[in-house]
Amino acid sequence: MKKQGSNRLRRNGRTGWRWLAGSFACLVSSVAWAQTPADTAVIRCGSGIYEKLKQQQNPGRIQRFNEFNRRIDQYLETQKNFRLQANETIYRIPVVVHVVHSTASGTIGGGNNVNISAEQIISQIQVLNEDYRRKEGSNGYNTNVLGADAGIEFYLATTDPNGQPSTGITRTYYATKSAFNPISDADRQELARVVYWPSDRYLNIWVTNLDGYLGYTEFPAAADTLQGLPSVGSEYVDGSIIDYRYFGRQTGTVQSASYALGRTATHEIGHWLGLLHPNGDLSCGNDYVADTPPTETLNQTTQCRELYSTCVGGVRTRNLTEDYMDYSPDACMNLFTKGQVARMRAVLQLSPRRARLIRNAAEGAPPEAEILTVSVSPNPATIDPIVEVLLKGAQDFTVDLFDAGGRRLRSYPYYSTPSTFVSVAVSGLPTGLYIVRVKTANEQVSKRLLVQ
């Protein structure tokens, strides 16, 4: 049986397992941090270093990942006659963003505050949906014949693990550590002890101050049922860890010249869904995807220039530097290939924890309403009120806050989101009457809000 991606193994003569050495979220790139101009380089991922150490400690880890890739190839072979149709299942993934900060005052937002704003978090969710849905009219759209809509959407969780209403954002003041090292088992476990929601029900994203890294992502656990092979990946650290300066799009703390469009999270979650770098982290290595051309190296520059490789018979071919799984600056990226989409969707079926998450999300879908229904509580408000938005299905909508004179003070856009809860920031506003408006493409509802 011919496996998807196996042609790359043959023509390069590789064993196929060494992609582990730098997969998941390893992007080592030059980048100028707006907050620290003297810094000329940052490690965009620590997983390569971490994975090498783990392979040395546990050789069975390699065997387990190879077996997982074999099962993915086998699954895709059986599915090769089925194409992604417009009416195929859309996988909707509930996300919880854990903001772990040491801002003693509790102040939210600002240009260099780990306790980032809700607006910044929402902007990141919007980027994910644009990129994974190849949304026309957005930065995530492309006309490349290789490109595909992944049929995967993300939304901030509407209930917490106890079934209580939630905005999908947690904030935890933690002064014990000012920065975390994502390749340290101790640091990752410490983050999970600070705050964690069950990873078979939520995609956990920890946003905090990372010690010289942009991010790290836990690769999907191979399977619970591969008998004789050791376990890979703890459920408690399953998710992405992203530095607060690179989470979101051109707002708040996201001020990098090259990485301000939210593609760090797009890339990292691609690893969470089982994607590797196009070169398999080797010169002409294997990423187990047949339609990504083999590459000698990834785009280590801060430019959107064309790069070429000669991996196949010495023939010069162009690298897909626009691929989200390359190392390119955010502005260059706008592509998941059909093969990458097929692999991600296969992982959602074959990785037990991912499959349980999808099943649990479907069973716990938010309530719906035939017409737009809005409530605000508490009202009058002495704290940030929660706006409950009930919709029919998933829709684009915006929650706006206006003062009595009609001046818009806050705006929270949502893309392809079902019924949810939105926290509206009112701290610092004068006592008085305000208007909360929720507007979809076809409906709008306004509610009075008294701030005391």
Foldseek 3Di string as FASTA:
>chain_A
DDFQQVVLCVQQVDPFQCLQLAWQFWFWAFFAAPVHRVRGTFTQEDRNVLSVVVCVVFVLVSVLVVVLLVVLRVVCVVCVVPADDPPPAQFEAAAAEEQEAAPVVPDEFAADGSNYDPQQQQQLLVLLQCQQQLDPPDLQHDPDPQFDRLSYHYAQDQAAPVRHGDQSYHYFNDNPDQAAAVSDPVRLVVVLVRDFGFLLAHAYEYEHHHDRYAKGAAAFWSEPPPPPGDTGDDRSSHHMYGYSCQRGADGTNPDIPFRRHNLSVVQNVLRNLPFTAQQSPAQSHTRSHNPFHHHGAFPRYADLDWDWHLSRPRDTDTGPNQDSNGNYGPSSHRGDGSRSSSSSVSSCVRRVSSVSNSVNCVVCPDAADDDWDWDWPPAQDQFFIKIWTHHDFFFWKKKWKAAPVGHTDDIRTHHRHHTHIDTDGDPPPDFDKMKIWMDTPPDIDIDIGTYD
